[in-house]
């Protein structure tokens, strides 16, 4: 089966997803939405550094809604507060298009109330489904950690620790406004849910913990935060600009979900511009720690293909892979918000394999 795909936005992650769609023999690009006028009217192949496709980028949402497509890969930039992209996602669902988001939506049913009702109504109207995909949220906790728990007879706690070096991120708006780097630590309370970065992330990772809990038959009683910020030990020159000495150069986001029997599900994310405040100088992308019978420890890193000489990172390719492998799942699902299954493996199309 060939899936007709719309790519929504072409930032670093979106552009890699676009390339993955164009490179995949079972995907046909039928539309491309962009935010900036500089990209509007350009061929998708030109934007992705691929051969011409005949699909031109547009800033016209109505034109995108009018297209006949199986799925939209929604790669809008993270923006406060969490859920700020609901309005456009609702319209896409109502127009009959399944949606995969790389910015959360791991377990939209966790919200109940008006927000869930709106998502469910949009899915019913369009006969479409909504699913989250990506690395974290998406894979590290909802899939990898939950599957690893399958060898445990009992569990006290599961902790996923992510460490991401942000020095190469180029967008000043994203680095300083959205992620909070460069802020004055004396004037920032990272546990204040109204602080911009926290308002973007708290809801997203509450869904992540909820999805984990549901897969394990647990019921979360509460989620608490223990976020911390660290000042730069010296003035730092990074791709997005300058971070003055003492200003925020490292954020450790921590969400702790409490469940029955005082079991805990913990997500800990280190975003850093210098390694001075890390527990280890060169951490892996993820450390998974399960305290239980038995305990489990897993370290995971991602590597680029040895023949890939492009600036695209292994993490960007992994997000694209996560999305591509989820497309058949969301397209086959019953209409409604869908929690990502425990496995969305790479699969060869059996028709293609038979012809090989």
C-alpha atoms as a PDB file:
ATOM      1  CA  UNK A   1       0.000   0.000   0.000  1.00  0.00           C
ATOM      2  CA  UNK A   2       1.181   3.499  -0.782  1.00  0.00           C
ATOM      3  CA  UNK A   3       0.377   6.199   1.788  1.00  0.00           C
ATOM      4  CA  UNK A   4      -0.391   9.754   0.691  1.00  0.00           C
ATOM      5  CA  UNK A   5       1.459  12.063   3.064  1.00  0.00           C
ATOM      6  CA  UNK A   6       1.342  15.747   3.940  1.00  0.00           C
ATOM      7  CA  UNK A   7       4.379  17.155   5.712  1.00  0.00           C
ATOM      8  CA  UNK A   8       3.543  19.989   8.116  1.00  0.00           C
ATOM      9  CA  UNK A   9       6.550  22.270   8.693  1.00  0.00           C
ATOM     10  CA  UNK A  10      10.190  21.918   7.705  1.00  0.00           C
ATOM     11  CA  UNK A  11      12.323  22.774  10.704  1.00  0.00           C
ATOM     12  CA  UNK A  12      15.247  20.491  11.533  1.00  0.00           C
ATOM     13  CA  UNK A  13      13.014  17.555  12.469  1.00  0.00           C
ATOM     14  CA  UNK A  14      10.327  18.261   9.882  1.00  0.00           C
ATOM     15  CA  UNK A  15      12.829  18.481   7.052  1.00  0.00           C
ATOM     16  CA  UNK A  16      14.280  15.093   7.999  1.00  0.00           C
ATOM     17  CA  UNK A  17      10.783  13.586   8.073  1.00  0.00           C
ATOM     18  CA  UNK A  18      10.204  15.102   4.628  1.00  0.00           C
ATOM     19  CA  UNK A  19      13.362  13.433   3.329  1.00  0.00           C
ATOM     20  CA  UNK A  20      12.306  10.101   4.819  1.00  0.00           C
ATOM     21  CA  UNK A  21       8.932  10.351   3.063  1.00  0.00           C
ATOM     22  CA  UNK A  22      10.527  11.230  -0.279  1.00  0.00           C
ATOM     23  CA  UNK A  23      13.047   8.370   0.074  1.00  0.00           C
ATOM     24  CA  UNK A  24      10.445   5.755   1.034  1.00  0.00           C
ATOM     25  CA  UNK A  25       8.967   3.634  -1.787  1.00  0.00           C
ATOM     26  CA  UNK A  26       5.630   3.266   0.034  1.00  0.00           C
ATOM     27  CA  UNK A  27       5.114   6.990   0.672  1.00  0.00           C
ATOM     28  CA  UNK A  28       3.875   9.631  -1.767  1.00  0.00           C
ATOM     29  CA  UNK A  29       4.138  13.283  -0.790  1.00  0.00           C
ATOM     30  CA  UNK A  30       0.964  15.152  -1.739  1.00  0.00           C
ATOM     31  CA  UNK A  31       1.343  18.375   0.253  1.00  0.00           C
ATOM     32  CA  UNK A  32       3.830  20.500   2.164  1.00  0.00           C
ATOM     33  CA  UNK A  33       2.926  23.214   4.665  1.00  0.00           C
ATOM     34  CA  UNK A  34       5.550  25.791   5.689  1.00  0.00           C
ATOM     35  CA  UNK A  35       5.420  28.782   8.015  1.00  0.00           C
ATOM     36  CA  UNK A  36       7.806  31.140   6.236  1.00  0.00           C
ATOM     37  CA  UNK A  37       7.214  33.071   3.033  1.00  0.00           C
ATOM     38  CA  UNK A  38      10.802  32.335   1.961  1.00  0.00           C
ATOM     39  CA  UNK A  39       9.933  28.645   1.504  1.00  0.00           C
ATOM     40  CA  UNK A  40       6.470  29.114   0.018  1.00  0.00           C
ATOM     41  CA  UNK A  41       6.334  28.179  -3.661  1.00  0.00           C
ATOM     42  CA  UNK A  42       9.514  26.119  -3.547  1.00  0.00           C
ATOM     43  CA  UNK A  43       9.484  22.496  -4.630  1.00  0.00           C
ATOM     44  CA  UNK A  44       9.558  20.048  -1.726  1.00  0.00           C
ATOM     45  CA  UNK A  45      12.547  18.329  -3.287  1.00  0.00           C
ATOM     46  CA  UNK A  46      14.471  21.592  -3.302  1.00  0.00           C
ATOM     47  CA  UNK A  47      13.752  22.162   0.394  1.00  0.00           C
ATOM     48  CA  UNK A  48      14.725  18.579   1.256  1.00  0.00           C
ATOM     49  CA  UNK A  49      17.766  18.517  -1.065  1.00  0.00           C
ATOM     50  CA  UNK A  50      16.148  15.807  -3.133  1.00  0.00           C
ATOM     51  CA  UNK A  51      15.052  15.660  -6.807  1.00  0.00           C
ATOM     52  CA  UNK A  52      12.062  17.777  -7.797  1.00  0.00           C
ATOM     53  CA  UNK A  53       8.687  16.379  -6.754  1.00  0.00           C
ATOM     54  CA  UNK A  54       6.172  18.734  -8.326  1.00  0.00           C
ATOM     55  CA  UNK A  55       4.773  19.403  -4.838  1.00  0.00           C
ATOM     56  CA  UNK A  56       5.143  23.064  -3.936  1.00  0.00           C
ATOM     57  CA  UNK A  57       5.328  24.331  -0.362  1.00  0.00           C
ATOM     58  CA  UNK A  58       2.462  26.533   0.785  1.00  0.00           C
ATOM     59  CA  UNK A  59       1.529  28.738   3.722  1.00  0.00           C
ATOM     60  CA  UNK A  60      -2.160  28.317   2.834  1.00  0.00           C
ATOM     61  CA  UNK A  61      -3.827  26.138   5.466  1.00  0.00           C
ATOM     62  CA  UNK A  62      -7.034  25.934   3.429  1.00  0.00           C
ATOM     63  CA  UNK A  63      -5.112  24.475   0.508  1.00  0.00           C
ATOM     64  CA  UNK A  64      -3.678  21.802   2.794  1.00  0.00           C
ATOM     65  CA  UNK A  65      -7.098  20.976   4.237  1.00  0.00           C
ATOM     66  CA  UNK A  66      -8.496  20.518   0.726  1.00  0.00           C
ATOM     67  CA  UNK A  67      -5.927  17.869  -0.229  1.00  0.00           C
ATOM     68  CA  UNK A  68      -6.741  14.173  -0.303  1.00  0.00           C
ATOM     69  CA  UNK A  69      -4.226  12.511   2.026  1.00  0.00           C
ATOM     70  CA  UNK A  70      -3.962   9.569   4.380  1.00  0.00           C
ATOM     71  CA  UNK A  71      -1.816  11.219   7.033  1.00  0.00           C
ATOM     72  CA  UNK A  72      -0.266  14.499   8.110  1.00  0.00           C
ATOM     73  CA  UNK A  73       3.144  14.440   9.792  1.00  0.00           C
ATOM     74  CA  UNK A  74       2.751  17.352  12.187  1.00  0.00           C
ATOM     75  CA  UNK A  75       6.162  18.797  13.074  1.00  0.00           C
ATOM     76  CA  UNK A  76       5.254  22.247  14.329  1.00  0.00           C
ATOM     77  CA  UNK A  77       7.813  23.874  16.597  1.00  0.00           C
ATOM     78  CA  UNK A  78       7.262  23.400  20.316  1.00  0.00           C
ATOM     79  CA  UNK A  79       5.432  26.439  21.679  1.00  0.00           C
ATOM     80  CA  UNK A  80       3.899  27.310  25.051  1.00  0.00           C
ATOM     81  CA  UNK A  81       1.561  26.219  26.414  1.00  0.00           C
ATOM     82  CA  UNK A  82       1.232  22.513  25.658  1.00  0.00           C
ATOM     83  CA  UNK A  83      -1.819  22.053  23.459  1.00  0.00           C
ATOM     84  CA  UNK A  84      -1.261  25.302  21.575  1.00  0.00           C
ATOM     85  CA  UNK A  85      -1.349  23.340  18.299  1.00  0.00           C
ATOM     86  CA  UNK A  86      -4.687  21.695  19.070  1.00  0.00           C
ATOM     87  CA  UNK A  87      -6.659  24.089  16.866  1.00  0.00           C
ATOM     88  CA  UNK A  88      -4.807  23.210  13.656  1.00  0.00           C
ATOM     89  CA  UNK A  89      -4.703  19.511  14.531  1.00  0.00           C
ATOM     90  CA  UNK A  90      -8.476  19.549  15.091  1.00  0.00           C
ATOM     91  CA  UNK A  91      -9.000  21.017  11.626  1.00  0.00           C
ATOM     92  CA  UNK A  92      -6.730  18.414  10.039  1.00  0.00           C
ATOM     93  CA  UNK A  93      -8.598  15.587  11.769  1.00  0.00           C
ATOM     94  CA  UNK A  94     -11.980  17.026  10.800  1.00  0.00           C
ATOM     95  CA  UNK A  95     -10.846  17.144   7.164  1.00  0.00           C
ATOM     96  CA  UNK A  96     -10.399  13.361   7.204  1.00  0.00           C
ATOM     97  CA  UNK A  97      -6.646  13.143   7.661  1.00  0.00           C
ATOM     98  CA  UNK A  98      -4.904  11.008  10.255  1.00  0.00           C
ATOM     99  CA  UNK A  99      -2.310  12.998  12.193  1.00  0.00           C
ATOM    100  CA  UNK A 100       1.027  11.970  13.693  1.00  0.00           C
ATOM    101  CA  UNK A 101       2.556  14.571  16.015  1.00  0.00           C
ATOM    102  CA  UNK A 102       6.179  14.682  17.148  1.00  0.00           C
ATOM    103  CA  UNK A 103       5.266  17.067  19.988  1.00  0.00           C
ATOM    104  CA  UNK A 104       3.461  14.878  22.479  1.00  0.00           C
ATOM    105  CA  UNK A 105      -0.039  13.383  22.210  1.00  0.00           C
ATOM    106  CA  UNK A 106       1.302  10.167  23.753  1.00  0.00           C
ATOM    107  CA  UNK A 107      -1.960   9.711  25.660  1.00  0.00           C
ATOM    108  CA  UNK A 108      -4.535  12.428  24.900  1.00  0.00           C
ATOM    109  CA  UNK A 109      -7.161  10.447  26.807  1.00  0.00           C
ATOM    110  CA  UNK A 110      -5.327  11.325  30.012  1.00  0.00           C
ATOM    111  CA  UNK A 111      -6.839  14.830  29.852  1.00  0.00           C
ATOM    112  CA  UNK A 112     -10.535  13.957  29.806  1.00  0.00           C
ATOM    113  CA  UNK A 113     -12.791  17.043  29.905  1.00  0.00           C
ATOM    114  CA  UNK A 114     -13.219  19.540  27.088  1.00  0.00           C
ATOM    115  CA  UNK A 115      -9.861  18.980  25.438  1.00  0.00           C
ATOM    116  CA  UNK A 116     -10.380  15.245  25.007  1.00  0.00           C
ATOM    117  CA  UNK A 117     -13.980  15.790  23.916  1.00  0.00           C
ATOM    118  CA  UNK A 118     -12.824  18.178  21.172  1.00  0.00           C
ATOM    119  CA  UNK A 119     -10.184  15.739  19.899  1.00  0.00           C
ATOM    120  CA  UNK A 120     -12.646  12.832  19.909  1.00  0.00           C
ATOM    121  CA  UNK A 121     -15.293  14.888  18.103  1.00  0.00           C
ATOM    122  CA  UNK A 122     -12.804  15.939  15.410  1.00  0.00           C
ATOM    123  CA  UNK A 123     -11.718  12.328  14.912  1.00  0.00           C
ATOM    124  CA  UNK A 124     -15.330  11.168  14.617  1.00  0.00           C
ATOM    125  CA  UNK A 125     -16.199  13.905  12.132  1.00  0.00           C
ATOM    126  CA  UNK A 126     -13.258  13.107   9.865  1.00  0.00           C
ATOM    127  CA  UNK A 127     -13.070   9.361  10.512  1.00  0.00           C
ATOM    128  CA  UNK A 128      -9.435   9.945  11.474  1.00  0.00           C
ATOM    129  CA  UNK A 129      -6.951   9.082  14.226  1.00  0.00           C
ATOM    130  CA  UNK A 130      -4.323  11.009  16.191  1.00  0.00           C
ATOM    131  CA  UNK A 131      -1.084   9.492  17.467  1.00  0.00           C
ATOM    132  CA  UNK A 132       2.160  10.773  18.948  1.00  0.00           C
ATOM    133  CA  UNK A 133       5.521   9.585  17.639  1.00  0.00           C
ATOM    134  CA  UNK A 134       9.167  10.499  18.116  1.00  0.00           C
ATOM    135  CA  UNK A 135      12.009   9.634  20.453  1.00  0.00           C
ATOM    136  CA  UNK A 136      11.022  11.246  23.732  1.00  0.00           C
ATOM    137  CA  UNK A 137       8.057  11.506  23.912  1.00  0.00           C
ATOM    138  CA  UNK A 138       7.349   8.456  21.790  1.00  0.00           C
ATOM    139  CA  UNK A 139       9.975   5.750  22.152  1.00  0.00           C
ATOM    140  CA  UNK A 140      12.282   5.958  25.161  1.00  0.00           C
ATOM    141  CA  UNK A 141       9.626   5.708  27.865  1.00  0.00           C
ATOM    142  CA  UNK A 142       6.417   4.547  26.168  1.00  0.00           C
ATOM    143  CA  UNK A 143       8.089   1.697  24.281  1.00  0.00           C
ATOM    144  CA  UNK A 144      11.659   0.922  25.400  1.00  0.00           C
ATOM    145  CA  UNK A 145      11.184   1.307  29.159  1.00  0.00           C
ATOM    146  CA  UNK A 146       7.837  -0.493  29.235  1.00  0.00           C
ATOM    147  CA  UNK A 147       9.156  -3.434  27.186  1.00  0.00           C
ATOM    148  CA  UNK A 148      12.220  -3.699  29.460  1.00  0.00           C
ATOM    149  CA  UNK A 149       9.883  -4.014  32.448  1.00  0.00           C
ATOM    150  CA  UNK A 150       8.675  -7.309  30.970  1.00  0.00           C
ATOM    151  CA  UNK A 151      11.484  -9.257  32.659  1.00  0.00           C
ATOM    152  CA  UNK A 152      10.698  -7.898  36.129  1.00  0.00           C
ATOM    153  CA  UNK A 153       8.647  -9.831  38.688  1.00  0.00           C
ATOM    154  CA  UNK A 154       8.129  -6.618  40.660  1.00  0.00           C
ATOM    155  CA  UNK A 155       9.086  -2.969  40.230  1.00  0.00           C
ATOM    156  CA  UNK A 156       9.682  -0.098  42.636  1.00  0.00           C
ATOM    157  CA  UNK A 157      10.691   2.551  40.103  1.00  0.00           C
ATOM    158  CA  UNK A 158      11.488   3.132  36.448  1.00  0.00           C
ATOM    159  CA  UNK A 159      13.637   6.118  35.528  1.00  0.00           C
ATOM    160  CA  UNK A 160      14.476   7.315  32.034  1.00  0.00           C
ATOM    161  CA  UNK A 161      17.365   9.810  31.984  1.00  0.00           C
ATOM    162  CA  UNK A 162      17.915  11.718  28.737  1.00  0.00           C
ATOM    163  CA  UNK A 163      20.956  13.906  28.091  1.00  0.00           C
ATOM    164  CA  UNK A 164      20.969  16.235  25.080  1.00  0.00           C
ATOM    165  CA  UNK A 165      23.797  18.581  24.119  1.00  0.00           C
ATOM    166  CA  UNK A 166      22.015  21.679  22.783  1.00  0.00           C
ATOM    167  CA  UNK A 167      25.072  23.679  21.714  1.00  0.00           C
ATOM    168  CA  UNK A 168      24.482  23.050  18.002  1.00  0.00           C
ATOM    169  CA  UNK A 169      20.846  24.238  17.983  1.00  0.00           C
ATOM    170  CA  UNK A 170      20.854  27.346  15.794  1.00  0.00           C
ATOM    171  CA  UNK A 171      17.538  29.106  16.383  1.00  0.00           C
ATOM    172  CA  UNK A 172      17.862  31.921  18.961  1.00  0.00           C
ATOM    173  CA  UNK A 173      14.084  32.099  19.326  1.00  0.00           C
ATOM    174  CA  UNK A 174      13.882  28.398  20.132  1.00  0.00           C
ATOM    175  CA  UNK A 175      16.931  28.293  22.421  1.00  0.00           C
ATOM    176  CA  UNK A 176      16.278  31.457  24.443  1.00  0.00           C
ATOM    177  CA  UNK A 177      12.512  31.967  24.257  1.00  0.00           C
ATOM    178  CA  UNK A 178      11.094  28.443  24.053  1.00  0.00           C
ATOM    179  CA  UNK A 179      13.696  26.408  25.956  1.00  0.00           C
ATOM    180  CA  UNK A 180      14.627  29.086  28.500  1.00  0.00           C
ATOM    181  CA  UNK A 181      18.397  29.144  28.075  1.00  0.00           C
ATOM    182  CA  UNK A 182      20.005  32.461  28.978  1.00  0.00           C
ATOM    183  CA  UNK A 183      17.396  33.260  31.638  1.00  0.00           C
ATOM    184  CA  UNK A 184      18.380  34.680  35.005  1.00  0.00           C
ATOM    185  CA  UNK A 185      18.260  31.763  37.510  1.00  0.00           C
ATOM    186  CA  UNK A 186      17.385  34.195  40.291  1.00  0.00           C
ATOM    187  CA  UNK A 187      14.246  35.253  38.433  1.00  0.00           C
ATOM    188  CA  UNK A 188      13.137  31.825  37.199  1.00  0.00           C
ATOM    189  CA  UNK A 189      11.196  29.192  39.090  1.00  0.00           C
ATOM    190  CA  UNK A 190      11.376  26.139  36.806  1.00  0.00           C
ATOM    191  CA  UNK A 191       8.624  24.447  38.823  1.00  0.00           C
ATOM    192  CA  UNK A 192       6.213  27.301  38.184  1.00  0.00           C
ATOM    193  CA  UNK A 193       3.805  25.793  35.616  1.00  0.00           C
ATOM    194  CA  UNK A 194       3.286  29.271  34.168  1.00  0.00           C
ATOM    195  CA  UNK A 195       6.960  29.629  33.152  1.00  0.00           C
ATOM    196  CA  UNK A 196       7.038  29.288  29.359  1.00  0.00           C
ATOM    197  CA  UNK A 197       9.235  26.184  29.000  1.00  0.00           C
ATOM    198  CA  UNK A 198       7.441  24.402  31.852  1.00  0.00           C
ATOM    199  CA  UNK A 199       4.042  25.235  30.347  1.00  0.00           C
ATOM    200  CA  UNK A 200       5.208  23.615  27.093  1.00  0.00           C
ATOM    201  CA  UNK A 201       6.621  20.472  28.646  1.00  0.00           C
ATOM    202  CA  UNK A 202       4.667  19.589  31.785  1.00  0.00           C
ATOM    203  CA  UNK A 203       1.550  18.450  29.955  1.00  0.00           C
ATOM    204  CA  UNK A 204       3.558  16.631  27.316  1.00  0.00           C
ATOM    205  CA  UNK A 205       5.441  14.482  29.799  1.00  0.00           C
ATOM    206  CA  UNK A 206       2.397  13.980  32.004  1.00  0.00           C
ATOM    207  CA  UNK A 207       0.990  12.159  28.963  1.00  0.00           C
ATOM    208  CA  UNK A 208       4.218  10.167  28.614  1.00  0.00           C
ATOM    209  CA  UNK A 209       3.994   8.920  32.200  1.00  0.00           C
ATOM    210  CA  UNK A 210       0.278   8.234  31.771  1.00  0.00           C
ATOM    211  CA  UNK A 211       0.940   6.119  28.682  1.00  0.00           C
ATOM    212  CA  UNK A 212       3.619   4.158  30.543  1.00  0.00           C
ATOM    213  CA  UNK A 213       1.305   3.578  33.483  1.00  0.00           C
ATOM    214  CA  UNK A 214      -1.562   2.357  31.305  1.00  0.00           C
ATOM    215  CA  UNK A 215       0.675  -0.125  29.502  1.00  0.00           C
ATOM    216  CA  UNK A 216       1.744  -1.537  32.882  1.00  0.00           C
ATOM    217  CA  UNK A 217      -1.724  -1.641  34.419  1.00  0.00           C
ATOM    218  CA  UNK A 218      -0.886   1.118  36.890  1.00  0.00           C
ATOM    219  CA  UNK A 219      -2.976   4.098  37.929  1.00  0.00           C
ATOM    220  CA  UNK A 220      -1.125   7.333  38.597  1.00  0.00           C
ATOM    221  CA  UNK A 221      -2.249   9.131  41.752  1.00  0.00           C
ATOM    222  CA  UNK A 222      -0.202  12.281  41.109  1.00  0.00           C
ATOM    223  CA  UNK A 223       2.686  13.724  39.107  1.00  0.00           C
ATOM    224  CA  UNK A 224       5.138  16.089  40.784  1.00  0.00           C
ATOM    225  CA  UNK A 225       8.005  18.083  39.306  1.00  0.00           C
ATOM    226  CA  UNK A 226      11.556  18.549  40.554  1.00  0.00           C
ATOM    227  CA  UNK A 227      12.920  20.797  37.793  1.00  0.00           C
ATOM    228  CA  UNK A 228      16.322  22.465  38.280  1.00  0.00           C
ATOM    229  CA  UNK A 229      18.307  25.109  36.382  1.00  0.00           C
ATOM    230  CA  UNK A 230      22.057  25.701  36.454  1.00  0.00           C
ATOM    231  CA  UNK A 231      24.014  28.827  35.579  1.00  0.00           C
ATOM    232  CA  UNK A 232      26.874  28.889  33.072  1.00  0.00           C
ATOM    233  CA  UNK A 233      30.292  28.571  34.718  1.00  0.00           C
ATOM    234  CA  UNK A 234      31.648  31.042  32.133  1.00  0.00           C
ATOM    235  CA  UNK A 235      30.399  32.999  29.132  1.00  0.00           C
ATOM    236  CA  UNK A 236      29.408  30.515  26.430  1.00  0.00           C
ATOM    237  CA  UNK A 237      29.368  30.976  22.672  1.00  0.00           C
ATOM    238  CA  UNK A 238      26.879  28.511  21.173  1.00  0.00           C
ATOM    239  CA  UNK A 239      25.281  28.218  17.749  1.00  0.00           C
ATOM    240  CA  UNK A 240      22.255  30.315  18.781  1.00  0.00           C
ATOM    241  CA  UNK A 241      24.282  33.131  20.370  1.00  0.00           C
ATOM    242  CA  UNK A 242      25.898  34.018  23.697  1.00  0.00           C
ATOM    243  CA  UNK A 243      24.968  32.833  27.181  1.00  0.00           C
ATOM    244  CA  UNK A 244      26.443  35.106  29.840  1.00  0.00           C
ATOM    245  CA  UNK A 245      28.216  33.655  32.851  1.00  0.00           C
ATOM    246  CA  UNK A 246      25.680  32.767  35.530  1.00  0.00           C
ATOM    247  CA  UNK A 247      22.714  32.618  33.147  1.00  0.00           C
ATOM    248  CA  UNK A 248      20.825  29.367  32.596  1.00  0.00           C
ATOM    249  CA  UNK A 249      22.956  26.961  30.575  1.00  0.00           C
ATOM    250  CA  UNK A 250      21.566  23.632  31.785  1.00  0.00           C
ATOM    251  CA  UNK A 251      18.030  22.583  32.654  1.00  0.00           C
ATOM    252  CA  UNK A 252      17.222  19.284  34.323  1.00  0.00           C
ATOM    253  CA  UNK A 253      13.519  18.574  33.879  1.00  0.00           C
ATOM    254  CA  UNK A 254      12.168  15.906  36.222  1.00  0.00           C
ATOM    255  CA  UNK A 255       8.633  14.500  36.368  1.00  0.00           C
ATOM    256  CA  UNK A 256       7.803  11.863  38.981  1.00  0.00           C
ATOM    257  CA  UNK A 257       4.606   9.887  38.627  1.00  0.00           C
ATOM    258  CA  UNK A 258       3.371   8.097  41.740  1.00  0.00           C
ATOM    259  CA  UNK A 259       1.301   4.932  41.401  1.00  0.00           C
ATOM    260  CA  UNK A 260       0.026   2.057  43.532  1.00  0.00           C
ATOM    261  CA  UNK A 261       2.350   0.698  46.191  1.00  0.00           C
ATOM    262  CA  UNK A 262       4.498   3.820  46.026  1.00  0.00           C
ATOM    263  CA  UNK A 263       5.789   2.781  42.627  1.00  0.00           C
ATOM    264  CA  UNK A 264       7.359   5.627  40.701  1.00  0.00           C
ATOM    265  CA  UNK A 265       7.738   6.422  37.009  1.00  0.00           C
ATOM    266  CA  UNK A 266      10.424   9.067  36.521  1.00  0.00           C
ATOM    267  CA  UNK A 267      11.367  11.086  33.459  1.00  0.00           C
ATOM    268  CA  UNK A 268      14.577  13.106  33.817  1.00  0.00           C
ATOM    269  CA  UNK A 269      15.799  15.239  30.917  1.00  0.00           C
ATOM    270  CA  UNK A 270      19.082  17.145  30.835  1.00  0.00           C
ATOM    271  CA  UNK A 271      19.285  19.852  28.176  1.00  0.00           C
ATOM    272  CA  UNK A 272      22.712  21.465  28.453  1.00  0.00           C
ATOM    273  CA  UNK A 273      25.011  24.010  26.847  1.00  0.00           C
ATOM    274  CA  UNK A 274      28.037  22.877  28.863  1.00  0.00           C
ATOM    275  CA  UNK A 275      28.728  19.559  30.626  1.00  0.00           C
ATOM    276  CA  UNK A 276      29.844  21.108  33.932  1.00  0.00           C
ATOM    277  CA  UNK A 277      26.709  20.111  35.860  1.00  0.00           C
ATOM    278  CA  UNK A 278      26.296  16.600  34.473  1.00  0.00           C
ATOM    279  CA  UNK A 279      26.869  13.541  36.632  1.00  0.00           C
ATOM    280  CA  UNK A 280      29.186  12.179  33.936  1.00  0.00           C
ATOM    281  CA  UNK A 281      31.189  14.009  31.287  1.00  0.00           C
ATOM    282  CA  UNK A 282      29.930  12.074  28.260  1.00  0.00           C
ATOM    283  CA  UNK A 283      26.531  10.545  29.047  1.00  0.00           C
ATOM    284  CA  UNK A 284      24.590   8.380  26.591  1.00  0.00           C
ATOM    285  CA  UNK A 285      21.458   9.758  25.040  1.00  0.00           C
ATOM    286  CA  UNK A 286      19.368   7.646  27.433  1.00  0.00           C
ATOM    287  CA  UNK A 287      19.985   5.715  30.593  1.00  0.00           C
ATOM    288  CA  UNK A 288      17.146   3.427  31.616  1.00  0.00           C
ATOM    289  CA  UNK A 289      17.137   2.353  35.247  1.00  0.00           C
ATOM    290  CA  UNK A 290      14.597  -0.085  36.681  1.00  0.00           C
ATOM    291  CA  UNK A 291      14.671  -0.713  40.409  1.00  0.00           C
ATOM    292  CA  UNK A 292      12.972  -4.040  40.873  1.00  0.00           C
ATOM    293  CA  UNK A 293      13.349  -7.792  40.910  1.00  0.00           C
ATOM    294  CA  UNK A 294      15.556  -7.918  38.952  1.00  0.00           C
ATOM    295  CA  UNK A 295      16.923  -4.438  38.385  1.00  0.00           C
ATOM    296  CA  UNK A 296      17.619  -3.393  34.811  1.00  0.00           C
ATOM    297  CA  UNK A 297      20.132  -0.918  33.417  1.00  0.00           C
ATOM    298  CA  UNK A 298      20.286   0.001  29.736  1.00  0.00           C
ATOM    299  CA  UNK A 299      22.350   2.697  28.009  1.00  0.00           C
ATOM    300  CA  UNK A 300      21.291   3.768  24.514  1.00  0.00           C
ATOM    301  CA  UNK A 301      23.088   5.929  21.965  1.00  0.00           C
ATOM    302  CA  UNK A 302      22.349   6.613  18.312  1.00  0.00           C
ATOM    303  CA  UNK A 303      24.908   6.625  15.484  1.00  0.00           C
ATOM    304  CA  UNK A 304      24.772   7.956  11.952  1.00  0.00           C
ATOM    305  CA  UNK A 305      25.082   5.620   9.005  1.00  0.00           C
ATOM    306  CA  UNK A 306      28.800   5.392   8.099  1.00  0.00           C
ATOM    307  CA  UNK A 307      28.082   6.632   4.572  1.00  0.00           C
ATOM    308  CA  UNK A 308      25.994   9.617   5.735  1.00  0.00           C
ATOM    309  CA  UNK A 309      28.149  12.738   5.442  1.00  0.00           C
ATOM    310  CA  UNK A 310      25.248  15.210   5.740  1.00  0.00           C
ATOM    311  CA  UNK A 311      24.686  17.523   8.738  1.00  0.00           C
ATOM    312  CA  UNK A 312      21.527  15.570   9.637  1.00  0.00           C
ATOM    313  CA  UNK A 313      21.972  14.002  13.079  1.00  0.00           C
ATOM    314  CA  UNK A 314      21.235  10.441  14.111  1.00  0.00           C
ATOM    315  CA  UNK A 315      18.534  11.785  16.430  1.00  0.00           C
ATOM    316  CA  UNK A 316      16.802  13.560  13.541  1.00  0.00           C
ATOM    317  CA  UNK A 317      16.843  10.382  11.458  1.00  0.00           C
ATOM    318  CA  UNK A 318      15.488   8.442  14.441  1.00  0.00           C
ATOM    319  CA  UNK A 319      12.527  10.801  14.804  1.00  0.00           C
ATOM    320  CA  UNK A 320      11.815  10.359  11.094  1.00  0.00           C
ATOM    321  CA  UNK A 321      12.078   6.584  11.409  1.00  0.00           C
ATOM    322  CA  UNK A 322       9.715   6.596  14.365  1.00  0.00           C
ATOM    323  CA  UNK A 323       7.170   8.565  12.335  1.00  0.00           C
ATOM    324  CA  UNK A 324       7.481   6.510   9.141  1.00  0.00           C
ATOM    325  CA  UNK A 325       7.044   3.238  11.034  1.00  0.00           C
ATOM    326  CA  UNK A 326       3.963   4.603  12.826  1.00  0.00           C
ATOM    327  CA  UNK A 327       2.127   5.662   9.653  1.00  0.00           C
ATOM    328  CA  UNK A 328       0.640   2.219   8.845  1.00  0.00           C
ATOM    329  CA  UNK A 329      -0.493   1.923  12.484  1.00  0.00           C
ATOM    330  CA  UNK A 330      -2.324   5.238  12.688  1.00  0.00           C
ATOM    331  CA  UNK A 331      -3.886   4.765   9.259  1.00  0.00           C
ATOM    332  CA  UNK A 332      -5.258   1.344  10.258  1.00  0.00           C
ATOM    333  CA  UNK A 333      -6.565   2.494  13.649  1.00  0.00           C
ATOM    334  CA  UNK A 334     -10.192   3.125  14.515  1.00  0.00           C
ATOM    335  CA  UNK A 335     -11.048   6.858  14.562  1.00  0.00           C
ATOM    336  CA  UNK A 336      -9.971   8.598  17.750  1.00  0.00           C
ATOM    337  CA  UNK A 337      -6.882   9.414  19.815  1.00  0.00           C
ATOM    338  CA  UNK A 338      -4.534   6.410  19.708  1.00  0.00           C
ATOM    339  CA  UNK A 339      -1.944   5.470  22.315  1.00  0.00           C
ATOM    340  CA  UNK A 340       1.209   4.290  20.582  1.00  0.00           C
ATOM    341  CA  UNK A 341       1.547   0.477  20.705  1.00  0.00           C
ATOM    342  CA  UNK A 342       4.527  -1.097  22.446  1.00  0.00           C
ATOM    343  CA  UNK A 343       6.184  -1.894  19.112  1.00  0.00           C
ATOM    344  CA  UNK A 344       6.111  -0.069  15.785  1.00  0.00           C
ATOM    345  CA  UNK A 345       8.994  -1.904  14.109  1.00  0.00           C
ATOM    346  CA  UNK A 346      10.588  -1.292  10.768  1.00  0.00           C
ATOM    347  CA  UNK A 347       8.789  -3.462   8.224  1.00  0.00           C
ATOM    348  CA  UNK A 348       9.336  -4.253   4.565  1.00  0.00           C
ATOM    349  CA  UNK A 349       6.242  -4.113   2.410  1.00  0.00           C
ATOM    350  CA  UNK A 350       5.563  -7.804   1.563  1.00  0.00           C
ATOM    351  CA  UNK A 351       4.563  -6.843  -1.980  1.00  0.00           C
ATOM    352  CA  UNK A 352       7.902  -5.125  -2.519  1.00  0.00           C
ATOM    353  CA  UNK A 353       9.792  -8.008  -0.950  1.00  0.00           C
ATOM    354  CA  UNK A 354       8.121 -10.455  -3.320  1.00  0.00           C
ATOM    355  CA  UNK A 355       9.255  -8.364  -6.291  1.00  0.00           C
ATOM    356  CA  UNK A 356      12.836  -8.029  -5.099  1.00  0.00           C
END
